[in-house]
Amino acid sequence: QNTLPIEDWLRAIVRCPVTGSELVDGLGPDGEPELVNTSGSPRL
């Protein structure tokens, strides 16, 4: 539940293109899935 259907090997290497930080599952204000960076500025 609340996990995007991304394969484990891909999840392990995908990073935020701006900060280089790990991305975790999230939900946007509209309830749609999104990936959120875990650190850095700005939070995206």
All heavy atoms as atom14 arrays in JSON, in Angstrom:
{
  "sequence": "QNTLPIEDWLRAIVRCPVTGSELVDGLGPDGEPELVNTSGSPRL",
  "atom14_mask": [
    [1, 1, 1, 1, 1, 1, 1, 1, 1, 0, 0, 0, 0, 0],
    [1, 1, 1, 1, 1, 1, 1, 1, 0, 0, 0, 0, 0, 0],
    [1, 1, 1, 1, 1, 1, 1, 0, 0, 0, 0, 0, 0, 0],
    [1, 1, 1, 1, 1, 1, 1, 1, 0, 0, 0, 0, 0, 0],
    [1, 1, 1, 1, 1, 1, 1, 0, 0, 0, 0, 0, 0, 0],
    [1, 1, 1, 1, 1, 1, 1, 1, 0, 0, 0, 0, 0, 0],
    [1, 1, 1, 1, 1, 1, 1, 1, 1, 0, 0, 0, 0, 0],
    [1, 1, 1, 1, 1, 1, 1, 1, 0, 0, 0, 0, 0, 0],
    [1, 1, 1, 1, 1, 1, 1, 1, 1, 1, 1, 1, 1, 1],
    [1, 1, 1, 1, 1, 1, 1, 1, 0, 0, 0, 0, 0, 0],
    [1, 1, 1, 1, 1, 1, 1, 1, 1, 1, 1, 0, 0, 0],
    [1, 1, 1, 1, 1, 0, 0, 0, 0, 0, 0, 0, 0, 0],
    [1, 1, 1, 1, 1, 1, 1, 1, 0, 0, 0, 0, 0, 0],
    [1, 1, 1, 1, 1, 1, 1, 0, 0, 0, 0, 0, 0, 0],
    [1, 1, 1, 1, 1, 1, 1, 1, 1, 1, 1, 0, 0, 0],
    [1, 1, 1, 1, 1, 1, 0, 0, 0, 0, 0, 0, 0, 0],
    [1, 1, 1, 1, 1, 1, 1, 0, 0, 0, 0, 0, 0, 0],
    [1, 1, 1, 1, 1, 1, 1, 0, 0, 0, 0, 0, 0, 0],
    [1, 1, 1, 1, 1, 1, 1, 0, 0, 0, 0, 0, 0, 0],
    [1, 1, 1, 1, 0, 0, 0, 0, 0, 0, 0, 0, 0, 0],
    [1, 1, 1, 1, 1, 1, 0, 0, 0, 0, 0, 0, 0, 0],
    [1, 1, 1, 1, 1, 1, 1, 1, 1, 0, 0, 0, 0, 0],
    [1, 1, 1, 1, 1, 1, 1, 1, 0, 0, 0, 0, 0, 0],
    [1, 1, 1, 1, 1, 1, 1, 0, 0, 0, 0, 0, 0, 0],
    [1, 1, 1, 1, 1, 1, 1, 1, 0, 0, 0, 0, 0, 0],
    [1, 1, 1, 1, 0, 0, 0, 0, 0, 0, 0, 0, 0, 0],
    [1, 1, 1, 1, 1, 1, 1, 1, 0, 0, 0, 0, 0, 0],
    [1, 1, 1, 1, 0, 0, 0, 0, 0, 0, 0, 0, 0, 0],
    [1, 1, 1, 1, 1, 1, 1, 0, 0, 0, 0, 0, 0, 0],
    [1, 1, 1, 1, 1, 1, 1, 1, 0, 0, 0, 0, 0, 0],
    [1, 1, 1, 1, 0, 0, 0, 0, 0, 0, 0, 0, 0, 0],
    [1, 1, 1, 1, 1, 1, 1, 1, 1, 0, 0, 0, 0, 0],
    [1, 1, 1, 1, 1, 1, 1, 0, 0, 0, 0, 0, 0, 0],
    [1, 1, 1, 1, 1, 1, 1, 1, 1, 0, 0, 0, 0, 0],
    [1, 1, 1, 1, 1, 1, 1, 1, 0, 0, 0, 0, 0, 0],
    [1, 1, 1, 1, 1, 1, 1, 0, 0, 0, 0, 0, 0, 0],
    [1, 1, 1, 1, 1, 1, 1, 1, 0, 0, 0, 0, 0, 0],
    [1, 1, 1, 1, 1, 1, 1, 0, 0, 0, 0, 0, 0, 0],
    [1, 1, 1, 1, 1, 1, 0, 0, 0, 0, 0, 0, 0, 0],
    [1, 1, 1, 1, 0, 0, 0, 0, 0, 0, 0, 0, 0, 0],
    [1, 1, 1, 1, 1, 1, 0, 0, 0, 0, 0, 0, 0, 0],
    [1, 1, 1, 1, 1, 1, 1, 0, 0, 0, 0, 0, 0, 0],
    [1, 1, 1, 1, 1, 1, 1, 1, 1, 1, 1, 0, 0, 0],
    [1, 1, 1, 1, 1, 1, 1, 1, 0, 0, 0, 0, 0, 0]
  ],
  "atom14_positions": [
    [[0.84, -1.19, 0.0], [0.0, 0.0, 0.0], [0.88, 1.25, 0.0], [1.9, 1.31, 0.67], [-0.89, -0.01, 1.23], [-1.93, 1.09, 1.21], [-2.88, 0.97, 2.38], [-2.6, 0.32, 3.36], [-4.0, 1.65, 2.26], [0.0, 0.0, 0.0], [0.0, 0.0, 0.0], [0.0, 0.0, 0.0], [0.0, 0.0, 0.0], [0.0, 0.0, 0.0]],
    [[0.51, 2.25, -0.78], [1.23, 3.52, -0.89], [2.64, 3.36, -1.47], [3.5, 4.18, -1.24], [1.31, 4.24, 0.46], [-0.07, 4.64, 0.94], [-0.95, 4.91, 0.15], [-0.25, 4.66, 2.23], [0.0, 0.0, 0.0], [0.0, 0.0, 0.0], [0.0, 0.0, 0.0], [0.0, 0.0, 0.0], [0.0, 0.0, 0.0], [0.0, 0.0, 0.0]],
    [[2.88, 2.28, -2.2], [4.18, 2.08, -2.84], [3.97, 2.06, -4.34], [3.1, 1.37, -4.84], [4.81, 0.74, -2.4], [4.97, 0.78, -0.98], [6.15, 0.53, -3.05], [0.0, 0.0, 0.0], [0.0, 0.0, 0.0], [0.0, 0.0, 0.0], [0.0, 0.0, 0.0], [0.0, 0.0, 0.0], [0.0, 0.0, 0.0], [0.0, 0.0, 0.0]],
    [[4.79, 2.83, -5.03], [4.71, 2.85, -6.48], [5.24, 1.55, -7.04], [6.15, 0.96, -6.47], [5.52, 4.03, -7.02], [5.04, 5.4, -6.58], [6.0, 6.47, -7.07], [3.65, 5.67, -7.1], [0.0, 0.0, 0.0], [0.0, 0.0, 0.0], [0.0, 0.0, 0.0], [0.0, 0.0, 0.0], [0.0, 0.0, 0.0], [0.0, 0.0, 0.0]],
    [[4.73, 1.1, -8.17], [5.19, -0.16, -8.75], [6.53, 0.01, -9.48], [6.62, -0.12, -10.69], [4.06, -0.53, -9.71], [3.49, 0.79, -10.12], [3.61, 1.67, -8.91], [0.0, 0.0, 0.0], [0.0, 0.0, 0.0], [0.0, 0.0, 0.0], [0.0, 0.0, 0.0], [0.0, 0.0, 0.0], [0.0, 0.0, 0.0], [0.0, 0.0, 0.0]],
    [[7.56, 0.32, -8.71], [8.9, 0.48, -9.26], [9.74, -0.69, -8.77], [9.75, -0.98, -7.57], [9.54, 1.81, -8.82], [8.7, 2.99, -9.31], [10.97, 1.93, -9.31], [9.15, 4.34, -8.8], [0.0, 0.0, 0.0], [0.0, 0.0, 0.0], [0.0, 0.0, 0.0], [0.0, 0.0, 0.0], [0.0, 0.0, 0.0], [0.0, 0.0, 0.0]],
    [[10.44, -1.34, -9.67], [11.23, -2.5, -9.29], [12.33, -2.08, -8.32], [12.85, -0.97, -8.37], [11.83, -3.17, -10.52], [10.75, -3.82, -11.37], [11.28, -4.79, -12.37], [12.34, -5.4, -12.12], [10.64, -4.96, -13.41], [0.0, 0.0, 0.0], [0.0, 0.0, 0.0], [0.0, 0.0, 0.0], [0.0, 0.0, 0.0], [0.0, 0.0, 0.0]],
    [[12.67, -3.01, -7.4], [13.65, -2.72, -6.35], [14.99, -2.24, -6.89], [15.59, -1.31, -6.35], [13.85, -3.95, -5.47], [12.62, -4.29, -4.65], [11.79, -3.39, -4.41], [12.48, -5.46, -4.26], [0.0, 0.0, 0.0], [0.0, 0.0, 0.0], [0.0, 0.0, 0.0], [0.0, 0.0, 0.0], [0.0, 0.0, 0.0], [0.0, 0.0, 0.0]],
    [[15.48, -2.85, -7.97], [16.79, -2.47, -8.5], [16.77, -1.04, -9.01], [17.75, -0.3, -8.88], [17.25, -3.43, -9.6], [16.43, -3.37, -10.85], [15.32, -4.13, -11.15], [16.6, -2.49, -11.96], [14.82, -3.77, -12.38], [15.58, -2.77, -12.91], [17.52, -1.49, -12.27], [15.46, -2.09, -14.12], [17.4, -0.82, -13.48], [16.38, -1.13, -14.39]],
    [[15.64, -0.6, -9.59], [15.53, 0.76, -10.09], [15.38, 1.75, -8.94], [16.02, 2.8, -8.92], [14.36, 0.87, -11.06], [14.14, 2.24, -11.7], [15.38, 2.69, -12.46], [12.94, 2.2, -12.62], [0.0, 0.0, 0.0], [0.0, 0.0, 0.0], [0.0, 0.0, 0.0], [0.0, 0.0, 0.0], [0.0, 0.0, 0.0], [0.0, 0.0, 0.0]],
    [[14.57, 1.39, -7.95], [14.39, 2.25, -6.79], [15.73, 2.51, -6.08], [15.96, 3.6, -5.56], [13.39, 1.61, -5.82], [13.02, 2.52, -4.67], [11.93, 1.9, -3.83], [10.65, 1.9, -4.49], [9.84, 2.95, -4.57], [10.19, 4.09, -4.03], [8.68, 2.86, -5.17], [0.0, 0.0, 0.0], [0.0, 0.0, 0.0], [0.0, 0.0, 0.0]],
    [[16.61, 1.53, -6.07], [17.9, 1.67, -5.4], [18.82, 2.67, -6.09], [19.7, 3.25, -5.45], [18.58, 0.31, -5.31], [0.0, 0.0, 0.0], [0.0, 0.0, 0.0], [0.0, 0.0, 0.0], [0.0, 0.0, 0.0], [0.0, 0.0, 0.0], [0.0, 0.0, 0.0], [0.0, 0.0, 0.0], [0.0, 0.0, 0.0], [0.0, 0.0, 0.0]],
    [[18.62, 2.93, -7.39], [19.54, 3.82, -8.1], [18.94, 5.16, -8.49], [19.67, 6.1, -8.8], [20.14, 3.15, -9.35], [19.05, 2.75, -10.34], [21.0, 1.97, -8.97], [19.57, 2.23, -11.67], [0.0, 0.0, 0.0], [0.0, 0.0, 0.0], [0.0, 0.0, 0.0], [0.0, 0.0, 0.0], [0.0, 0.0, 0.0], [0.0, 0.0, 0.0]],
    [[17.62, 5.28, -8.46], [16.97, 6.53, -8.86], [17.21, 7.59, -7.78], [17.06, 7.34, -6.6], [15.45, 6.32, -9.06], [14.73, 7.64, -9.24], [15.2, 5.43, -10.25], [0.0, 0.0, 0.0], [0.0, 0.0, 0.0], [0.0, 0.0, 0.0], [0.0, 0.0, 0.0], [0.0, 0.0, 0.0], [0.0, 0.0, 0.0], [0.0, 0.0, 0.0]],
    [[17.64, 8.76, -8.21], [17.93, 9.87, -7.31], [17.29, 11.15, -7.83], [16.97, 11.27, -9.02], [19.43, 10.09, -7.18], [20.18, 8.93, -6.55], [19.9, 8.87, -5.06], [20.61, 7.81, -4.39], [20.07, 6.66, -4.01], [18.82, 6.41, -4.29], [20.76, 5.76, -3.38], [0.0, 0.0, 0.0], [0.0, 0.0, 0.0], [0.0, 0.0, 0.0]],
    [[17.14, 12.12, -6.95], [16.63, 13.43, -7.34], [17.61, 14.05, -8.33], [18.81, 14.12, -8.05], [16.49, 14.31, -6.1], [16.05, 16.02, -6.48], [0.0, 0.0, 0.0], [0.0, 0.0, 0.0], [0.0, 0.0, 0.0], [0.0, 0.0, 0.0], [0.0, 0.0, 0.0], [0.0, 0.0, 0.0], [0.0, 0.0, 0.0], [0.0, 0.0, 0.0]],
    [[17.13, 14.51, -9.47], [18.03, 15.09, -10.47], [18.57, 16.46, -10.06], [19.54, 16.93, -10.65], [17.15, 15.21, -11.72], [15.76, 15.28, -11.2], [15.75, 14.46, -9.94], [0.0, 0.0, 0.0], [0.0, 0.0, 0.0], [0.0, 0.0, 0.0], [0.0, 0.0, 0.0], [0.0, 0.0, 0.0], [0.0, 0.0, 0.0], [0.0, 0.0, 0.0]],
    [[18.0, 17.08, -9.04], [18.46, 18.4, -8.6], [19.44, 18.29, -7.44], [20.52, 18.89, -7.47], [17.25, 19.3, -8.22], [17.72, 20.65, -7.69], [16.32, 19.48, -9.42], [0.0, 0.0, 0.0], [0.0, 0.0, 0.0], [0.0, 0.0, 0.0], [0.0, 0.0, 0.0], [0.0, 0.0, 0.0], [0.0, 0.0, 0.0], [0.0, 0.0, 0.0]],
    [[19.08, 17.51, -6.4], [19.9, 17.44, -5.19], [20.74, 16.17, -5.1], [21.66, 16.11, -4.3], [19.02, 17.51, -3.93], [18.2, 16.33, -3.87], [18.16, 18.76, -3.93], [0.0, 0.0, 0.0], [0.0, 0.0, 0.0], [0.0, 0.0, 0.0], [0.0, 0.0, 0.0], [0.0, 0.0, 0.0], [0.0, 0.0, 0.0], [0.0, 0.0, 0.0]],
    [[20.38, 15.14, -5.87], [21.1, 13.87, -5.81], [20.68, 12.99, -4.65], [21.25, 11.94, -4.42], [0.0, 0.0, 0.0], [0.0, 0.0, 0.0], [0.0, 0.0, 0.0], [0.0, 0.0, 0.0], [0.0, 0.0, 0.0], [0.0, 0.0, 0.0], [0.0, 0.0, 0.0], [0.0, 0.0, 0.0], [0.0, 0.0, 0.0], [0.0, 0.0, 0.0]],
    [[19.65, 13.41, -3.89], [19.21, 12.64, -2.73], [18.25, 11.53, -3.15], [17.7, 11.52, -4.24], [18.56, 13.55, -1.7], [17.38, 14.13, -2.22], [0.0, 0.0, 0.0], [0.0, 0.0, 0.0], [0.0, 0.0, 0.0], [0.0, 0.0, 0.0], [0.0, 0.0, 0.0], [0.0, 0.0, 0.0], [0.0, 0.0, 0.0], [0.0, 0.0, 0.0]],
    [[18.05, 10.6, -2.22], [17.13, 9.49, -2.43], [15.71, 10.02, -2.59], [15.35, 11.06, -2.05], [17.2, 8.55, -1.22], [16.34, 7.34, -1.33], [16.44, 6.44, -0.11], [17.16, 6.77, 0.84], [15.77, 5.4, -0.12], [0.0, 0.0, 0.0], [0.0, 0.0, 0.0], [0.0, 0.0, 0.0], [0.0, 0.0, 0.0], [0.0, 0.0, 0.0]],
    [[14.9, 9.27, -3.33], [13.49, 9.63, -3.53], [12.61, 8.6, -2.82], [12.87, 7.39, -2.9], [13.15, 9.66, -5.01], [13.87, 10.74, -5.82], [13.7, 10.49, -7.31], [13.34, 12.12, -5.45], [0.0, 0.0, 0.0], [0.0, 0.0, 0.0], [0.0, 0.0, 0.0], [0.0, 0.0, 0.0], [0.0, 0.0, 0.0], [0.0, 0.0, 0.0]],
    [[11.59, 9.09, -2.13], [10.66, 8.21, -1.44], [9.24, 8.48, -1.94], [8.96, 9.54, -2.49], [10.72, 8.39, 0.1], [12.08, 7.98, 0.63], [10.4, 9.81, 0.5], [0.0, 0.0, 0.0], [0.0, 0.0, 0.0], [0.0, 0.0, 0.0], [0.0, 0.0, 0.0], [0.0, 0.0, 0.0], [0.0, 0.0, 0.0], [0.0, 0.0, 0.0]],
    [[8.37, 7.51, -1.73], [6.97, 7.64, -2.16], [6.26, 8.74, -1.39], [6.5, 8.93, -0.2], [6.22, 6.33, -1.94], [6.76, 5.2, -2.77], [7.48, 5.44, -3.74], [6.43, 4.06, -2.45], [0.0, 0.0, 0.0], [0.0, 0.0, 0.0], [0.0, 0.0, 0.0], [0.0, 0.0, 0.0], [0.0, 0.0, 0.0], [0.0, 0.0, 0.0]],
    [[5.38, 9.42, -2.08], [4.56, 10.43, -1.45], [3.26, 10.59, -2.21], [3.07, 9.98, -3.26], [0.0, 0.0, 0.0], [0.0, 0.0, 0.0], [0.0, 0.0, 0.0], [0.0, 0.0, 0.0], [0.0, 0.0, 0.0], [0.0, 0.0, 0.0], [0.0, 0.0, 0.0], [0.0, 0.0, 0.0], [0.0, 0.0, 0.0], [0.0, 0.0, 0.0]],
    [[2.38, 11.4, -1.66], [1.13, 11.73, -2.32], [1.05, 13.25, -2.43], [1.31, 13.96, -1.46], [-0.08, 11.22, -1.53], [-0.29, 9.71, -1.51], [-1.44, 9.35, -0.6], [-0.53, 9.18, -2.91], [0.0, 0.0, 0.0], [0.0, 0.0, 0.0], [0.0, 0.0, 0.0], [0.0, 0.0, 0.0], [0.0, 0.0, 0.0], [0.0, 0.0, 0.0]],
    [[0.68, 13.72, -3.6], [0.55, 15.14, -3.82], [-0.73, 15.68, -3.22], [-1.57, 14.94, -2.71], [0.0, 0.0, 0.0], [0.0, 0.0, 0.0], [0.0, 0.0, 0.0], [0.0, 0.0, 0.0], [0.0, 0.0, 0.0], [0.0, 0.0, 0.0], [0.0, 0.0, 0.0], [0.0, 0.0, 0.0], [0.0, 0.0, 0.0], [0.0, 0.0, 0.0]],
    [[-0.92, 17.0, -3.26], [-2.12, 17.62, -2.72], [-3.4, 17.11, -3.37], [-4.46, 17.13, -2.76], [-1.93, 19.11, -3.01], [-0.6, 19.28, -3.59], [-0.02, 17.95, -3.85], [0.0, 0.0, 0.0], [0.0, 0.0, 0.0], [0.0, 0.0, 0.0], [0.0, 0.0, 0.0], [0.0, 0.0, 0.0], [0.0, 0.0, 0.0], [0.0, 0.0, 0.0]],
    [[-3.28, 16.62, -4.6], [-4.44, 16.08, -5.31], [-4.63, 14.58, -5.09], [-5.51, 13.97, -5.68], [-4.33, 16.39, -6.8], [-3.06, 15.84, -7.42], [-2.23, 15.23, -6.69], [-2.86, 16.04, -8.63], [0.0, 0.0, 0.0], [0.0, 0.0, 0.0], [0.0, 0.0, 0.0], [0.0, 0.0, 0.0], [0.0, 0.0, 0.0], [0.0, 0.0, 0.0]],
    [[-3.77, 13.98, -4.24], [-3.86, 12.55, -3.96], [-3.16, 11.67, -4.96], [-3.17, 10.46, -4.84], [0.0, 0.0, 0.0], [0.0, 0.0, 0.0], [0.0, 0.0, 0.0], [0.0, 0.0, 0.0], [0.0, 0.0, 0.0], [0.0, 0.0, 0.0], [0.0, 0.0, 0.0], [0.0, 0.0, 0.0], [0.0, 0.0, 0.0], [0.0, 0.0, 0.0]],
    [[-2.52, 12.27, -5.95], [-1.79, 11.51, -6.96], [-0.4, 11.13, -6.42], [0.2, 11.88, -5.64], [-1.64, 12.33, -8.24], [-2.95, 12.57, -8.95], [-3.6, 11.29, -9.45], [-2.89, 10.43, -10.02], [-4.81, 11.15, -9.27], [0.0, 0.0, 0.0], [0.0, 0.0, 0.0], [0.0, 0.0, 0.0], [0.0, 0.0, 0.0], [0.0, 0.0, 0.0]],
    [[0.15, 9.99, -6.86], [1.46, 9.58, -6.38], [2.57, 10.5, -6.89], [2.46, 11.08, -7.97], [1.63, 8.16, -6.94], [0.71, 8.09, -8.1], [-0.42, 9.03, -7.8], [0.0, 0.0, 0.0], [0.0, 0.0, 0.0], [0.0, 0.0, 0.0], [0.0, 0.0, 0.0], [0.0, 0.0, 0.0], [0.0, 0.0, 0.0], [0.0, 0.0, 0.0]],
    [[3.61, 10.61, -6.09], [4.78, 11.39, -6.48], [5.99, 10.84, -5.74], [5.86, 10.05, -4.81], [4.59, 12.88, -6.17], [4.32, 13.19, -4.73], [3.97, 14.65, -4.48], [3.66, 15.38, -5.43], [4.01, 15.05, -3.31], [0.0, 0.0, 0.0], [0.0, 0.0, 0.0], [0.0, 0.0, 0.0], [0.0, 0.0, 0.0], [0.0, 0.0, 0.0]],
    [[7.15, 11.22, -6.18], [8.4, 10.88, -5.51], [8.97, 12.15, -4.91], [9.06, 13.18, -5.59], [9.4, 10.26, -6.49], [9.01, 8.88, -7.04], [10.01, 8.43, -8.1], [8.95, 7.86, -5.92], [0.0, 0.0, 0.0], [0.0, 0.0, 0.0], [0.0, 0.0, 0.0], [0.0, 0.0, 0.0], [0.0, 0.0, 0.0], [0.0, 0.0, 0.0]],
    [[9.37, 12.08, -3.64], [9.84, 13.25, -2.9], [11.3, 13.03, -2.51], [11.65, 11.95, -2.0], [8.98, 13.48, -1.64], [9.43, 14.72, -0.89], [7.5, 13.56, -2.0], [0.0, 0.0, 0.0], [0.0, 0.0, 0.0], [0.0, 0.0, 0.0], [0.0, 0.0, 0.0], [0.0, 0.0, 0.0], [0.0, 0.0, 0.0], [0.0, 0.0, 0.0]],
    [[12.14, 14.07, -2.71], [13.54, 13.91, -2.3], [13.63, 13.95, -0.77], [12.81, 14.55, -0.1], [14.47, 14.92, -2.98], [14.21, 16.36, -2.6], [13.28, 16.69, -1.88], [15.04, 17.24, -3.12], [0.0, 0.0, 0.0], [0.0, 0.0, 0.0], [0.0, 0.0, 0.0], [0.0, 0.0, 0.0], [0.0, 0.0, 0.0], [0.0, 0.0, 0.0]],
    [[14.63, 13.26, -0.24], [14.73, 13.07, 1.21], [15.59, 14.12, 1.9], [15.54, 14.24, 3.11], [15.29, 11.68, 1.54], [16.54, 11.52, 0.88], [14.32, 10.6, 1.1], [0.0, 0.0, 0.0], [0.0, 0.0, 0.0], [0.0, 0.0, 0.0], [0.0, 0.0, 0.0], [0.0, 0.0, 0.0], [0.0, 0.0, 0.0], [0.0, 0.0, 0.0]],
    [[16.39, 14.83, 1.16], [17.22, 15.85, 1.78], [17.62, 16.87, 0.73], [17.38, 16.69, -0.46], [18.47, 15.22, 2.4], [19.28, 14.65, 1.39], [0.0, 0.0, 0.0], [0.0, 0.0, 0.0], [0.0, 0.0, 0.0], [0.0, 0.0, 0.0], [0.0, 0.0, 0.0], [0.0, 0.0, 0.0], [0.0, 0.0, 0.0], [0.0, 0.0, 0.0]],
    [[18.24, 17.9, 1.2], [18.69, 18.93, 0.29], [17.72, 20.09, 0.25], [16.65, 20.07, 0.84], [0.0, 0.0, 0.0], [0.0, 0.0, 0.0], [0.0, 0.0, 0.0], [0.0, 0.0, 0.0], [0.0, 0.0, 0.0], [0.0, 0.0, 0.0], [0.0, 0.0, 0.0], [0.0, 0.0, 0.0], [0.0, 0.0, 0.0], [0.0, 0.0, 0.0]],
    [[18.16, 21.09, -0.41], [17.34, 22.28, -0.57], [17.37, 22.63, -2.04], [18.45, 22.73, -2.62], [17.92, 23.41, 0.27], [17.12, 24.56, 0.16], [0.0, 0.0, 0.0], [0.0, 0.0, 0.0], [0.0, 0.0, 0.0], [0.0, 0.0, 0.0], [0.0, 0.0, 0.0], [0.0, 0.0, 0.0], [0.0, 0.0, 0.0], [0.0, 0.0, 0.0]],
    [[16.27, 22.77, -2.65], [14.91, 22.74, -2.12], [14.39, 21.32, -1.99], [14.88, 20.4, -2.64], [14.12, 23.5, -3.19], [14.82, 23.18, -4.46], [16.29, 23.09, -4.08], [0.0, 0.0, 0.0], [0.0, 0.0, 0.0], [0.0, 0.0, 0.0], [0.0, 0.0, 0.0], [0.0, 0.0, 0.0], [0.0, 0.0, 0.0], [0.0, 0.0, 0.0]],
    [[13.36, 21.14, -1.14], [12.65, 19.87, -1.07], [11.71, 19.84, -2.26], [10.93, 20.77, -2.45], [11.83, 19.76, 0.22], [12.63, 19.51, 1.47], [13.16, 18.08, 1.55], [12.13, 17.08, 1.35], [11.67, 16.28, 2.28], [12.15, 16.34, 3.49], [10.73, 15.41, 2.02], [0.0, 0.0, 0.0], [0.0, 0.0, 0.0], [0.0, 0.0, 0.0]],
    [[11.8, 18.79, -3.06], [11.04, 18.71, -4.3], [10.22, 17.43, -4.36], [10.63, 16.4, -3.83], [11.97, 18.77, -5.5], [12.81, 20.03, -5.65], [13.84, 19.84, -6.75], [11.91, 21.22, -5.94], [0.0, 0.0, 0.0], [0.0, 0.0, 0.0], [0.0, 0.0, 0.0], [0.0, 0.0, 0.0], [0.0, 0.0, 0.0], [0.0, 0.0, 0.0]]
  ]
}
